[in-house]
Amino acid sequence: MTQMIAVVATAVFLDGKRTVIQPGHPIPELSEHDAEALGKSGAAFDPVLSQEAKEKVEAAALAAAGEFQAARERVQAEAASTQVAPQERSSLVDPAAGTATEQKPAAKGQQAGGRKAGR
């Protein structure tokens, strides 16, 4: 086990005496349980394990970025395969029927809603 470094003032017992380790100073050899508890609480860190953890996080982030990029490219390819080109789109519109945004005038004597006036 490597030497842990105190992040906050940490009280430990050395040779039966209470000793306070100041932040930034190495903590004397601890039991595995004590070292784990100090690490989880954020009161101390192991520089060697911290570097290993940092490398693992960086590798995982790089792998996740690669997976994201592959998924993004797949979605973009799927979207591109279903898009209709503008020249194809114009051939799908029936000129006699008008476009979807145009409305034909209502028949004479009819109001909105399809009912005749006066009823």
PDB file of N, CA and C in Angstrom:
ATOM      1  N   MET A   1       0.854  -1.178   0.000  1.00  0.00           N
ATOM      2  CA  MET A   1       0.000   0.000   0.000  1.00  0.00           C
ATOM      3  C   MET A   1       0.894   1.234   0.000  1.00  0.00           C
ATOM      4  N   THR A   2       0.523   2.197  -0.816  1.00  0.00           N
ATOM      5  CA  THR A   2       1.321   3.419  -0.892  1.00  0.00           C
ATOM      6  C   THR A   2       0.901   4.405   0.190  1.00  0.00           C
ATOM      7  N   GLN A   3       1.654   5.428   0.310  1.00  0.00           N
ATOM      8  CA  GLN A   3       1.409   6.458   1.313  1.00  0.00           C
ATOM      9  C   GLN A   3       0.227   7.333   0.885  1.00  0.00           C
ATOM     10  N   MET A   4      -0.718   7.557   1.788  1.00  0.00           N
ATOM     11  CA  MET A   4      -1.842   8.447   1.500  1.00  0.00           C
ATOM     12  C   MET A   4      -1.470   9.859   1.916  1.00  0.00           C
ATOM     13  N   ILE A   5      -2.066  10.831   1.239  1.00  0.00           N
ATOM     14  CA  ILE A   5      -1.816  12.240   1.519  1.00  0.00           C
ATOM     15  C   ILE A   5      -3.091  12.832   2.113  1.00  0.00           C
ATOM     16  N   ALA A   6      -2.953  13.572   3.217  1.00  0.00           N
ATOM     17  CA  ALA A   6      -4.109  14.192   3.866  1.00  0.00           C
ATOM     18  C   ALA A   6      -4.625  15.358   3.025  1.00  0.00           C
ATOM     19  N   VAL A   7      -5.934  15.439   2.884  1.00  0.00           N
ATOM     20  CA  VAL A   7      -6.575  16.556   2.189  1.00  0.00           C
ATOM     21  C   VAL A   7      -7.056  17.572   3.219  1.00  0.00           C
ATOM     22  N   VAL A   8      -7.462  17.087   4.365  1.00  0.00           N
ATOM     23  CA  VAL A   8      -7.884  17.926   5.490  1.00  0.00           C
ATOM     24  C   VAL A   8      -7.080  17.501   6.713  1.00  0.00           C
ATOM     25  N   ALA A   9      -7.110  18.314   7.751  1.00  0.00           N
ATOM     26  CA  ALA A   9      -6.427  17.933   8.991  1.00  0.00           C
ATOM     27  C   ALA A   9      -7.047  16.624   9.482  1.00  0.00           C
ATOM     28  N   THR A  10      -6.200  15.624   9.680  1.00  0.00           N
ATOM     29  CA  THR A  10      -6.672  14.283  10.004  1.00  0.00           C
ATOM     30  C   THR A  10      -6.030  13.813  11.300  1.00  0.00           C
ATOM     31  N   ALA A  11      -6.873  13.428  12.255  1.00  0.00           N
ATOM     32  CA  ALA A  11      -6.371  12.939  13.536  1.00  0.00           C
ATOM     33  C   ALA A  11      -6.188  11.428  13.449  1.00  0.00           C
ATOM     34  N   VAL A  12      -5.000  10.957  13.809  1.00  0.00           N
ATOM     35  CA  VAL A  12      -4.701   9.528  13.828  1.00  0.00           C
ATOM     36  C   VAL A  12      -3.997   9.203  15.142  1.00  0.00           C
ATOM     37  N   PHE A  13      -3.981   7.918  15.489  1.00  0.00           N
ATOM     38  CA  PHE A  13      -3.252   7.480  16.676  1.00  0.00           C
ATOM     39  C   PHE A  13      -1.961   6.817  16.243  1.00  0.00           C
ATOM     40  N   LEU A  14      -0.833   7.347  16.721  1.00  0.00           N
ATOM     41  CA  LEU A  14       0.485   6.776  16.465  1.00  0.00           C
ATOM     42  C   LEU A  14       1.115   6.417  17.798  1.00  0.00           C
ATOM     43  N   ASP A  15       1.458   5.170  17.938  1.00  0.00           N
ATOM     44  CA  ASP A  15       2.059   4.680  19.187  1.00  0.00           C
ATOM     45  C   ASP A  15       1.202   5.042  20.393  1.00  0.00           C
ATOM     46  N   GLY A  16      -0.108   4.955  20.229  1.00  0.00           N
ATOM     47  CA  GLY A  16      -1.023   5.220  21.332  1.00  0.00           C
ATOM     48  C   GLY A  16      -1.276   6.692  21.588  1.00  0.00           C
ATOM     49  N   LYS A  17      -0.717   7.586  20.794  1.00  0.00           N
ATOM     50  CA  LYS A  17      -0.916   9.027  21.003  1.00  0.00           C
ATOM     51  C   LYS A  17      -1.668   9.614  19.813  1.00  0.00           C
ATOM     52  N   ARG A  18      -2.570  10.531  20.137  1.00  0.00           N
ATOM     53  CA  ARG A  18      -3.332  11.212  19.082  1.00  0.00           C
ATOM     54  C   ARG A  18      -2.424  12.228  18.397  1.00  0.00           C
ATOM     55  N   THR A  19      -2.375  12.136  17.065  1.00  0.00           N
ATOM     56  CA  THR A  19      -1.541  13.036  16.266  1.00  0.00           C
ATOM     57  C   THR A  19      -2.398  13.595  15.131  1.00  0.00           C
ATOM     58  N   VAL A  20      -2.250  14.896  14.855  1.00  0.00           N
ATOM     59  CA  VAL A  20      -2.996  15.520  13.762  1.00  0.00           C
ATOM     60  C   VAL A  20      -2.057  15.683  12.567  1.00  0.00           C
ATOM     61  N   ILE A  21      -2.472  15.121  11.451  1.00  0.00           N
ATOM     62  CA  ILE A  21      -1.705  15.237  10.204  1.00  0.00           C
ATOM     63  C   ILE A  21      -2.306  16.403   9.420  1.00  0.00           C
ATOM     64  N   GLN A  22      -1.485  17.374   9.080  1.00  0.00           N
ATOM     65  CA  GLN A  22      -1.950  18.559   8.355  1.00  0.00           C
ATOM     66  C   GLN A  22      -2.157  18.246   6.872  1.00  0.00           C
ATOM     67  N   PRO A  23      -3.043  19.009   6.205  1.00  0.00           N
ATOM     68  CA  PRO A  23      -3.298  18.789   4.778  1.00  0.00           C
ATOM     69  C   PRO A  23      -2.013  18.868   3.954  1.00  0.00           C
ATOM     70  N   GLY A  24      -1.891  17.949   3.000  1.00  0.00           N
ATOM     71  CA  GLY A  24      -0.722  17.907   2.128  1.00  0.00           C
ATOM     72  C   GLY A  24       0.403  17.039   2.652  1.00  0.00           C
ATOM     73  N   HIS A  25       0.311  16.605   3.892  1.00  0.00           N
ATOM     74  CA  HIS A  25       1.355  15.763   4.478  1.00  0.00           C
ATOM     75  C   HIS A  25       0.966  14.291   4.364  1.00  0.00           C
ATOM     76  N   PRO A  26       1.958  13.422   4.273  1.00  0.00           N
ATOM     77  CA  PRO A  26       1.655  11.988   4.185  1.00  0.00           C
ATOM     78  C   PRO A  26       1.111  11.453   5.510  1.00  0.00           C
ATOM     79  N   ILE A  27       0.179  10.530   5.395  1.00  0.00           N
ATOM     80  CA  ILE A  27      -0.383   9.880   6.574  1.00  0.00           C
ATOM     81  C   ILE A  27       0.396   8.590   6.778  1.00  0.00           C
ATOM     82  N   PRO A  28       0.796   8.285   8.013  1.00  0.00           N
ATOM     83  CA  PRO A  28       1.534   7.040   8.275  1.00  0.00           C
ATOM     84  C   PRO A  28       0.716   5.826   7.840  1.00  0.00           C
ATOM     85  N   GLU A  29       1.388   4.684   7.718  1.00  0.00           N
ATOM     86  CA  GLU A  29       0.724   3.450   7.284  1.00  0.00           C
ATOM     87  C   GLU A  29      -0.559   3.231   8.074  1.00  0.00           C
ATOM     88  N   LEU A  30      -1.618   2.940   7.332  1.00  0.00           N
ATOM     89  CA  LEU A  30      -2.922   2.701   7.929  1.00  0.00           C
ATOM     90  C   LEU A  30      -3.382   1.298   7.580  1.00  0.00           C
ATOM     91  N   SER A  31      -4.365   0.829   8.336  1.00  0.00           N
ATOM     92  CA  SER A  31      -4.978  -0.443   7.953  1.00  0.00           C
ATOM     93  C   SER A  31      -5.740  -0.210   6.647  1.00  0.00           C
ATOM     94  N   GLU A  32      -6.001  -1.283   5.935  1.00  0.00           N
ATOM     95  CA  GLU A  32      -6.700  -1.159   4.652  1.00  0.00           C
ATOM     96  C   GLU A  32      -8.077  -0.525   4.848  1.00  0.00           C
ATOM     97  N   HIS A  33      -8.747  -0.903   5.937  1.00  0.00           N
ATOM     98  CA  HIS A  33     -10.071  -0.351   6.224  1.00  0.00           C
ATOM     99  C   HIS A  33     -10.000   1.160   6.451  1.00  0.00           C
ATOM    100  N   ASP A  34      -9.037   1.607   7.259  1.00  0.00           N
ATOM    101  CA  ASP A  34      -8.898   3.040   7.538  1.00  0.00           C
ATOM    102  C   ASP A  34      -8.554   3.819   6.273  1.00  0.00           C
ATOM    103  N   ALA A  35      -7.653   3.279   5.464  1.00  0.00           N
ATOM    104  CA  ALA A  35      -7.265   3.956   4.225  1.00  0.00           C
ATOM    105  C   ALA A  35      -8.461   4.072   3.284  1.00  0.00           C
ATOM    106  N   GLU A  36      -9.256   3.005   3.199  1.00  0.00           N
ATOM    107  CA  GLU A  36     -10.438   3.033   2.336  1.00  0.00           C
ATOM    108  C   GLU A  36     -11.453   4.056   2.840  1.00  0.00           C
ATOM    109  N   ALA A  37     -11.662   4.098   4.158  1.00  0.00           N
ATOM    110  CA  ALA A  37     -12.622   5.043   4.733  1.00  0.00           C
ATOM    111  C   ALA A  37     -12.174   6.485   4.508  1.00  0.00           C
ATOM    112  N   LEU A  38     -10.889   6.771   4.707  1.00  0.00           N
ATOM    113  CA  LEU A  38     -10.385   8.131   4.474  1.00  0.00           C
ATOM    114  C   LEU A  38     -10.500   8.512   2.998  1.00  0.00           C
ATOM    115  N   GLY A  39     -10.230   7.566   2.117  1.00  0.00           N
ATOM    116  CA  GLY A  39     -10.337   7.838   0.684  1.00  0.00           C
ATOM    117  C   GLY A  39     -11.768   8.107   0.257  1.00  0.00           C
ATOM    118  N   LYS A  40     -12.716   7.292   0.743  1.00  0.00           N
ATOM    119  CA  LYS A  40     -14.123   7.473   0.383  1.00  0.00           C
ATOM    120  C   LYS A  40     -14.674   8.788   0.923  1.00  0.00           C
ATOM    121  N   SER A  41     -14.217   9.190   2.097  1.00  0.00           N
ATOM    122  CA  SER A  41     -14.727  10.428   2.691  1.00  0.00           C
ATOM    123  C   SER A  41     -14.113  11.667   2.057  1.00  0.00           C
ATOM    124  N   GLY A  42     -13.018  11.477   1.314  1.00  0.00           N
ATOM    125  CA  GLY A  42     -12.350  12.619   0.687  1.00  0.00           C
ATOM    126  C   GLY A  42     -11.354  13.295   1.607  1.00  0.00           C
ATOM    127  N   ALA A  43     -11.086  12.696   2.779  1.00  0.00           N
ATOM    128  CA  ALA A  43     -10.153  13.289   3.729  1.00  0.00           C
ATOM    129  C   ALA A  43      -8.705  13.030   3.344  1.00  0.00           C
ATOM    130  N   ALA A  44      -8.468  12.019   2.494  1.00  0.00           N
ATOM    131  CA  ALA A  44      -7.109  11.690   2.056  1.00  0.00           C
ATOM    132  C   ALA A  44      -7.191  11.027   0.691  1.00  0.00           C
ATOM    133  N   PHE A  45      -6.066  11.002  -0.012  1.00  0.00           N
ATOM    134  CA  PHE A  45      -6.029  10.327  -1.309  1.00  0.00           C
ATOM    135  C   PHE A  45      -4.695   9.635  -1.483  1.00  0.00           C
ATOM    136  N   ASP A  46      -4.726   8.621  -2.309  1.00  0.00           N
ATOM    137  CA  ASP A  46      -3.525   7.862  -2.640  1.00  0.00           C
ATOM    138  C   ASP A  46      -3.073   8.347  -4.013  1.00  0.00           C
ATOM    139  N   PRO A  47      -1.931   9.018  -4.119  1.00  0.00           N
ATOM    140  CA  PRO A  47      -1.511   9.581  -5.401  1.00  0.00           C
ATOM    141  C   PRO A  47      -1.371   8.534  -6.505  1.00  0.00           C
ATOM    142  N   VAL A  48      -0.917   7.340  -6.170  1.00  0.00           N
ATOM    143  CA  VAL A  48      -0.749   6.294  -7.183  1.00  0.00           C
ATOM    144  C   VAL A  48      -2.113   5.819  -7.670  1.00  0.00           C
ATOM    145  N   LEU A  49      -3.010   5.528  -6.737  1.00  0.00           N
ATOM    146  CA  LEU A  49      -4.341   5.086  -7.124  1.00  0.00           C
ATOM    147  C   LEU A  49      -5.098   6.202  -7.829  1.00  0.00           C
ATOM    148  N   SER A  50      -4.869   7.435  -7.422  1.00  0.00           N
ATOM    149  CA  SER A  50      -5.533   8.568  -8.063  1.00  0.00           C
ATOM    150  C   SER A  50      -5.117   8.665  -9.520  1.00  0.00           C
ATOM    151  N   GLN A  51      -3.842   8.452  -9.812  1.00  0.00           N
ATOM    152  CA  GLN A  51      -3.361   8.501 -11.194  1.00  0.00           C
ATOM    153  C   GLN A  51      -3.962   7.355 -12.004  1.00  0.00           C
ATOM    154  N   GLU A  52      -4.021   6.159 -11.410  1.00  0.00           N
ATOM    155  CA  GLU A  52      -4.619   5.016 -12.099  1.00  0.00           C
ATOM    156  C   GLU A  52      -6.093   5.271 -12.375  1.00  0.00           C
ATOM    157  N   ALA A  53      -6.804   5.820 -11.386  1.00  0.00           N
ATOM    158  CA  ALA A  53      -8.223   6.120 -11.563  1.00  0.00           C
ATOM    159  C   ALA A  53      -8.414   7.177 -12.646  1.00  0.00           C
ATOM    160  N   LYS A  54      -7.538   8.173 -12.648  1.00  0.00           N
ATOM    161  CA  LYS A  54      -7.626   9.231 -13.662  1.00  0.00           C
ATOM    162  C   LYS A  54      -7.441   8.640 -15.063  1.00  0.00           C
ATOM    163  N   GLU A  55      -6.480   7.741 -15.213  1.00  0.00           N
ATOM    164  CA  GLU A  55      -6.237   7.106 -16.511  1.00  0.00           C
ATOM    165  C   GLU A  55      -7.434   6.258 -16.940  1.00  0.00           C
ATOM    166  N   LYS A  56      -8.053   5.547 -15.981  1.00  0.00           N
ATOM    167  CA  LYS A  56      -9.231   4.737 -16.298  1.00  0.00           C
ATOM    168  C   LYS A  56     -10.390   5.626 -16.740  1.00  0.00           C
ATOM    169  N   VAL A  57     -10.583   6.745 -16.057  1.00  0.00           N
ATOM    170  CA  VAL A  57     -11.663   7.669 -16.412  1.00  0.00           C
ATOM    171  C   VAL A  57     -11.426   8.247 -17.799  1.00  0.00           C
ATOM    172  N   GLU A  58     -10.178   8.620 -18.087  1.00  0.00           N
ATOM    173  CA  GLU A  58      -9.853   9.167 -19.408  1.00  0.00           C
ATOM    174  C   GLU A  58     -10.085   8.124 -20.505  1.00  0.00           C
ATOM    175  N   ALA A  59      -9.699   6.879 -20.246  1.00  0.00           N
ATOM    176  CA  ALA A  59      -9.906   5.813 -21.233  1.00  0.00           C
ATOM    177  C   ALA A  59     -11.395   5.559 -21.450  1.00  0.00           C
ATOM    178  N   ALA A  60     -12.168   5.569 -20.366  1.00  0.00           N
ATOM    179  CA  ALA A  60     -13.614   5.364 -20.483  1.00  0.00           C
ATOM    180  C   ALA A  60     -14.265   6.516 -21.241  1.00  0.00           C
ATOM    181  N   ALA A  61     -13.806   7.737 -20.987  1.00  0.00           N
ATOM    182  CA  ALA A  61     -14.355   8.903 -21.692  1.00  0.00           C
ATOM    183  C   ALA A  61     -14.033   8.832 -23.179  1.00  0.00           C
ATOM    184  N   LEU A  62     -12.834   8.401 -23.507  1.00  0.00           N
ATOM    185  CA  LEU A  62     -12.438   8.269 -24.910  1.00  0.00           C
ATOM    186  C   LEU A  62     -13.283   7.199 -25.610  1.00  0.00           C
ATOM    187  N   ALA A  63     -13.499   6.083 -24.934  1.00  0.00           N
ATOM    188  CA  ALA A  63     -14.324   5.014 -25.502  1.00  0.00           C
ATOM    189  C   ALA A  63     -15.770   5.482 -25.677  1.00  0.00           C
ATOM    190  N   ALA A  64     -16.290   6.206 -24.684  1.00  0.00           N
ATOM    191  CA  ALA A  64     -17.664   6.714 -24.775  1.00  0.00           C
ATOM    192  C   ALA A  64     -17.798   7.715 -25.911  1.00  0.00           C
ATOM    193  N   ALA A  65     -16.791   8.552 -26.108  1.00  0.00           N
ATOM    194  CA  ALA A  65     -16.825   9.524 -27.207  1.00  0.00           C
ATOM    195  C   ALA A  65     -16.837   8.805 -28.553  1.00  0.00           C
ATOM    196  N   GLY A  66     -16.070   7.729 -28.668  1.00  0.00           N
ATOM    197  CA  GLY A  66     -16.057   6.940 -29.899  1.00  0.00           C
ATOM    198  C   GLY A  66     -17.408   6.293 -30.166  1.00  0.00           C
ATOM    199  N   GLU A  67     -18.020   5.735 -29.116  1.00  0.00           N
ATOM    200  CA  GLU A  67     -19.342   5.123 -29.259  1.00  0.00           C
ATOM    201  C   GLU A  67     -20.377   6.174 -29.648  1.00  0.00           C
ATOM    202  N   PHE A  68     -20.284   7.345 -29.022  1.00  0.00           N
ATOM    203  CA  PHE A  68     -21.224   8.421 -29.338  1.00  0.00           C
ATOM    204  C   PHE A  68     -21.091   8.844 -30.796  1.00  0.00           C
ATOM    205  N   GLN A  69     -19.853   9.015 -31.258  1.00  0.00           N
ATOM    206  CA  GLN A  69     -19.627   9.442 -32.638  1.00  0.00           C
ATOM    207  C   GLN A  69     -20.167   8.401 -33.620  1.00  0.00           C
ATOM    208  N   ALA A  70     -19.953   7.124 -33.331  1.00  0.00           N
ATOM    209  CA  ALA A  70     -20.463   6.063 -34.208  1.00  0.00           C
ATOM    210  C   ALA A  70     -21.992   6.083 -34.246  1.00  0.00           C
ATOM    211  N   ALA A  71     -22.618   6.252 -33.085  1.00  0.00           N
ATOM    212  CA  ALA A  71     -24.082   6.311 -33.032  1.00  0.00           C
ATOM    213  C   ALA A  71     -24.597   7.547 -33.758  1.00  0.00           C
ATOM    214  N   ARG A  72     -23.903   8.653 -33.603  1.00  0.00           N
ATOM    215  CA  ARG A  72     -24.301   9.894 -34.272  1.00  0.00           C
ATOM    216  C   ARG A  72     -24.250   9.729 -35.793  1.00  0.00           C
ATOM    217  N   GLU A  73     -23.163   9.148 -36.280  1.00  0.00           N
ATOM    218  CA  GLU A  73     -23.025   8.937 -37.721  1.00  0.00           C
ATOM    219  C   GLU A  73     -24.106   7.991 -38.246  1.00  0.00           C
ATOM    220  N   ARG A  74     -24.447   6.963 -37.455  1.00  0.00           N
ATOM    221  CA  ARG A  74     -25.491   6.021 -37.862  1.00  0.00           C
ATOM    222  C   ARG A  74     -26.845   6.731 -37.956  1.00  0.00           C
ATOM    223  N   VAL A  75     -27.167   7.567 -36.977  1.00  0.00           N
ATOM    224  CA  VAL A  75     -28.438   8.291 -36.987  1.00  0.00           C
ATOM    225  C   VAL A  75     -28.487   9.276 -38.148  1.00  0.00           C
ATOM    226  N   GLN A  76     -27.376   9.966 -38.403  1.00  0.00           N
ATOM    227  CA  GLN A  76     -27.335  10.909 -39.521  1.00  0.00           C
ATOM    228  C   GLN A  76     -27.509  10.182 -40.851  1.00  0.00           C
ATOM    229  N   ALA A  77     -26.903   9.006 -40.988  1.00  0.00           N
ATOM    230  CA  ALA A  77     -27.049   8.230 -42.222  1.00  0.00           C
ATOM    231  C   ALA A  77     -28.496   7.770 -42.398  1.00  0.00           C
ATOM    232  N   GLU A  78     -29.131   7.339 -41.306  1.00  0.00           N
ATOM    233  CA  GLU A  78     -30.530   6.919 -41.376  1.00  0.00           C
ATOM    234  C   GLU A  78     -31.424   8.095 -41.763  1.00  0.00           C
ATOM    235  N   ALA A  79     -31.164   9.262 -41.176  1.00  0.00           N
ATOM    236  CA  ALA A  79     -31.968  10.446 -41.496  1.00  0.00           C
ATOM    237  C   ALA A  79     -31.763  10.861 -42.949  1.00  0.00           C
ATOM    238  N   ALA A  80     -30.537  10.784 -43.429  1.00  0.00           N
ATOM    239  CA  ALA A  80     -30.246  11.172 -44.811  1.00  0.00           C
ATOM    240  C   ALA A  80     -30.915  10.222 -45.800  1.00  0.00           C
ATOM    241  N   SER A  81     -31.042   8.961 -45.436  1.00  0.00           N
ATOM    242  CA  SER A  81     -31.639   7.996 -46.366  1.00  0.00           C
ATOM    243  C   SER A  81     -33.147   8.163 -46.487  1.00  0.00           C
ATOM    244  N   THR A  82     -33.778   8.849 -45.544  1.00  0.00           N
ATOM    245  CA  THR A  82     -35.228   9.029 -45.610  1.00  0.00           C
ATOM    246  C   THR A  82     -35.642  10.409 -46.086  1.00  0.00           C
ATOM    247  N   GLN A  83     -34.691  11.307 -46.316  1.00  0.00           N
ATOM    248  CA  GLN A  83     -35.023  12.650 -46.789  1.00  0.00           C
ATOM    249  C   GLN A  83     -35.322  12.619 -48.281  1.00  0.00           C
ATOM    250  N   VAL A  84     -36.275  13.463 -48.691  1.00  0.00           N
ATOM    251  CA  VAL A  84     -36.646  13.583 -50.094  1.00  0.00           C
ATOM    252  C   VAL A  84     -35.954  14.819 -50.643  1.00  0.00           C
ATOM    253  N   ALA A  85     -35.309  14.666 -51.791  1.00  0.00           N
ATOM    254  CA  ALA A  85     -34.622  15.794 -52.417  1.00  0.00           C
ATOM    255  C   ALA A  85     -35.650  16.827 -52.868  1.00  0.00           C
ATOM    256  N   PRO A  86     -35.307  18.136 -52.900  1.00  0.00           N
ATOM    257  CA  PRO A  86     -36.267  19.176 -53.284  1.00  0.00           C
ATOM    258  C   PRO A  86     -36.900  18.934 -54.654  1.00  0.00           C
ATOM    259  N   GLN A  87     -36.134  18.487 -55.660  1.00  0.00           N
ATOM    260  CA  GLN A  87     -36.712  18.248 -56.978  1.00  0.00           C
ATOM    261  C   GLN A  87     -37.690  17.086 -56.939  1.00  0.00           C
ATOM    262  N   GLU A  88     -37.452  16.087 -56.096  1.00  0.00           N
ATOM    263  CA  GLU A  88     -38.384  14.969 -55.951  1.00  0.00           C
ATOM    264  C   GLU A  88     -39.642  15.426 -55.220  1.00  0.00           C
ATOM    265  N   ARG A  89     -39.467  16.306 -54.235  1.00  0.00           N
ATOM    266  CA  ARG A  89     -40.580  16.795 -53.443  1.00  0.00           C
ATOM    267  C   ARG A  89     -41.562  17.560 -54.333  1.00  0.00           C
ATOM    268  N   SER A  90     -41.056  18.375 -55.265  1.00  0.00           N
ATOM    269  CA  SER A  90     -41.943  19.155 -56.128  1.00  0.00           C
ATOM    270  C   SER A  90     -42.739  18.253 -57.059  1.00  0.00           C
ATOM    271  N   SER A  91     -42.208  17.106 -57.422  1.00  0.00           N
ATOM    272  CA  SER A  91     -42.946  16.200 -58.304  1.00  0.00           C
ATOM    273  C   SER A  91     -44.043  15.454 -57.556  1.00  0.00           C
ATOM    274  N   LEU A  92     -43.998  15.454 -56.225  1.00  0.00           N
ATOM    275  CA  LEU A  92     -45.017  14.775 -55.434  1.00  0.00           C
ATOM    276  C   LEU A  92     -46.253  15.637 -55.216  1.00  0.00           C
ATOM    277  N   VAL A  93     -46.159  16.946 -55.458  1.00  0.00           N
ATOM    278  CA  VAL A  93     -47.278  17.854 -55.232  1.00  0.00           C
ATOM    279  C   VAL A  93     -48.124  17.916 -56.495  1.00  0.00           C
ATOM    280  N   ASP A  94     -49.423  17.752 -56.342  1.00  0.00           N
ATOM    281  CA  ASP A  94     -50.355  17.844 -57.473  1.00  0.00           C
ATOM    282  C   ASP A  94     -50.688  19.318 -57.687  1.00  0.00           C
ATOM    283  N   PRO A  95     -50.286  19.900 -58.827  1.00  0.00           N
ATOM    284  CA  PRO A  95     -50.527  21.325 -59.051  1.00  0.00           C
ATOM    285  C   PRO A  95     -52.006  21.685 -59.006  1.00  0.00           C
ATOM    286  N   ALA A  96     -52.894  20.798 -59.408  1.00  0.00           N
ATOM    287  CA  ALA A  96     -54.329  21.100 -59.398  1.00  0.00           C
ATOM    288  C   ALA A  96     -54.872  21.178 -57.979  1.00  0.00           C
ATOM    289  N   ALA A  97     -54.299  20.402 -57.078  1.00  0.00           N
ATOM    290  CA  ALA A  97     -54.786  20.381 -55.700  1.00  0.00           C
ATOM    291  C   ALA A  97     -54.177  21.503 -54.876  1.00  0.00           C
ATOM    292  N   GLY A  98     -53.106  22.114 -55.332  1.00  0.00           N
ATOM    293  CA  GLY A  98     -52.440  23.162 -54.559  1.00  0.00           C
ATOM    294  C   GLY A  98     -51.498  22.552 -53.547  1.00  0.00           C
ATOM    295  N   THR A  99     -50.809  23.377 -52.837  1.00  0.00           N
ATOM    296  CA  THR A  99     -49.877  22.884 -51.825  1.00  0.00           C
ATOM    297  C   THR A  99     -50.608  22.676 -50.516  1.00  0.00           C
ATOM    298  N   ALA A 100     -49.954  22.073 -49.585  1.00  0.00           N
ATOM    299  CA  ALA A 100     -50.562  21.783 -48.296  1.00  0.00           C
ATOM    300  C   ALA A 100     -50.837  23.057 -47.506  1.00  0.00           C
ATOM    301  N   THR A 101     -50.122  24.136 -47.792  1.00  0.00           N
ATOM    302  CA  THR A 101     -50.318  25.365 -47.031  1.00  0.00           C
ATOM    303  C   THR A 101     -51.427  26.227 -47.620  1.00  0.00           C
ATOM    304  N   GLU A 102     -51.816  25.975 -48.858  1.00  0.00           N
ATOM    305  CA  GLU A 102     -52.890  26.755 -49.480  1.00  0.00           C
ATOM    306  C   GLU A 102     -54.222  26.116 -49.144  1.00  0.00           C
ATOM    307  N   GLN A 103     -55.250  26.961 -48.953  1.00  0.00           N
ATOM    308  CA  GLN A 103     -56.588  26.455 -48.717  1.00  0.00           C
ATOM    309  C   GLN A 103     -57.474  26.905 -49.857  1.00  0.00           C
ATOM    310  N   LYS A 104     -58.356  26.035 -50.275  1.00  0.00           N
ATOM    311  CA  LYS A 104     -59.311  26.403 -51.313  1.00  0.00           C
ATOM    312  C   LYS A 104     -60.397  27.259 -50.671  1.00  0.00           C
ATOM    313  N   PRO A 105     -60.948  28.213 -51.426  1.00  0.00           N
ATOM    314  CA  PRO A 105     -62.022  29.032 -50.853  1.00  0.00           C
ATOM    315  C   PRO A 105     -63.243  28.164 -50.543  1.00  0.00           C
ATOM    316  N   ALA A 106     -63.981  28.559 -49.495  1.00  0.00           N
ATOM    317  CA  ALA A 106     -65.180  27.816 -49.107  1.00  0.00           C
ATOM    318  C   ALA A 106     -66.238  27.969 -50.185  1.00  0.00           C
ATOM    319  N   ALA A 107     -67.076  26.960 -50.313  1.00  0.00           N
ATOM    320  CA  ALA A 107     -68.156  27.007 -51.308  1.00  0.00           C
ATOM    321  C   ALA A 107     -69.121  28.129 -50.949  1.00  0.00           C
ATOM    322  N   LYS A 108     -69.793  28.666 -51.941  1.00  0.00           N
ATOM    323  CA  LYS A 108     -70.697  29.787 -51.741  1.00  0.00           C
ATOM    324  C   LYS A 108     -71.792  29.380 -50.760  1.00  0.00           C
ATOM    325  N   GLY A 109     -72.044  30.239 -49.767  1.00  0.00           N
ATOM    326  CA  GLY A 109     -73.094  29.992 -48.789  1.00  0.00           C
ATOM    327  C   GLY A 109     -72.654  29.117 -47.631  1.00  0.00           C
ATOM    328  N   GLN A 110     -71.379  28.806 -47.528  1.00  0.00           N
ATOM    329  CA  GLN A 110     -70.906  27.971 -46.424  1.00  0.00           C
ATOM    330  C   GLN A 110     -69.996  28.787 -45.519  1.00  0.00           C
ATOM    331  N   GLN A 111     -70.090  28.520 -44.225  1.00  0.00           N
ATOM    332  CA  GLN A 111     -69.211  29.152 -43.254  1.00  0.00           C
ATOM    333  C   GLN A 111     -68.157  28.145 -42.827  1.00  0.00           C
ATOM    334  N   ALA A 112     -67.235  28.643 -42.031  1.00  0.00           N
ATOM    335  CA  ALA A 112     -66.223  27.741 -41.490  1.00  0.00           C
ATOM    336  C   ALA A 112     -66.911  26.656 -40.675  1.00  0.00           C
ATOM    337  N   GLY A 113     -66.466  25.483 -40.769  1.00  0.00           N
ATOM    338  CA  GLY A 113     -67.062  24.369 -40.043  1.00  0.00           C
ATOM    339  C   GLY A 113     -67.980  23.556 -40.931  1.00  0.00           C
ATOM    340  N   GLY A 114     -68.187  23.998 -42.174  1.00  0.00           N
ATOM    341  CA  GLY A 114     -68.947  23.205 -43.123  1.00  0.00           C
ATOM    342  C   GLY A 114     -70.455  23.356 -43.018  1.00  0.00           C
ATOM    343  N   ARG A 115     -70.963  24.362 -42.286  1.00  0.00           N
ATOM    344  CA  ARG A 115     -72.408  24.544 -42.165  1.00  0.00           C
ATOM    345  C   ARG A 115     -72.856  25.687 -43.062  1.00  0.00           C
ATOM    346  N   LYS A 116     -74.055  25.613 -43.570  1.00  0.00           N
ATOM    347  CA  LYS A 116     -74.594  26.678 -44.422  1.00  0.00           C
ATOM    348  C   LYS A 116     -74.999  27.861 -43.559  1.00  0.00           C
ATOM    349  N   ALA A 117     -74.909  29.043 -44.150  1.00  0.00           N
ATOM    350  CA  ALA A 117     -75.287  30.257 -43.431  1.00  0.00           C
ATOM    351  C   ALA A 117     -76.780  30.250 -43.149  1.00  0.00           C
ATOM    352  N   GLY A 118     -77.169  30.756 -42.002  1.00  0.00           N
ATOM    353  CA  GLY A 118     -78.571  30.899 -41.658  1.00  0.00           C
ATOM    354  C   GLY A 118     -79.149  29.697 -40.952  1.00  0.00           C
ATOM    355  N   ARG A 119     -78.452  28.702 -40.713  1.00  0.00           N
ATOM    356  CA  ARG A 119     -78.976  27.527 -40.015  1.00  0.00           C
ATOM    357  C   ARG A 119     -78.506  27.475 -38.621  1.00  0.00           C
TER     358      ARG A 119
END
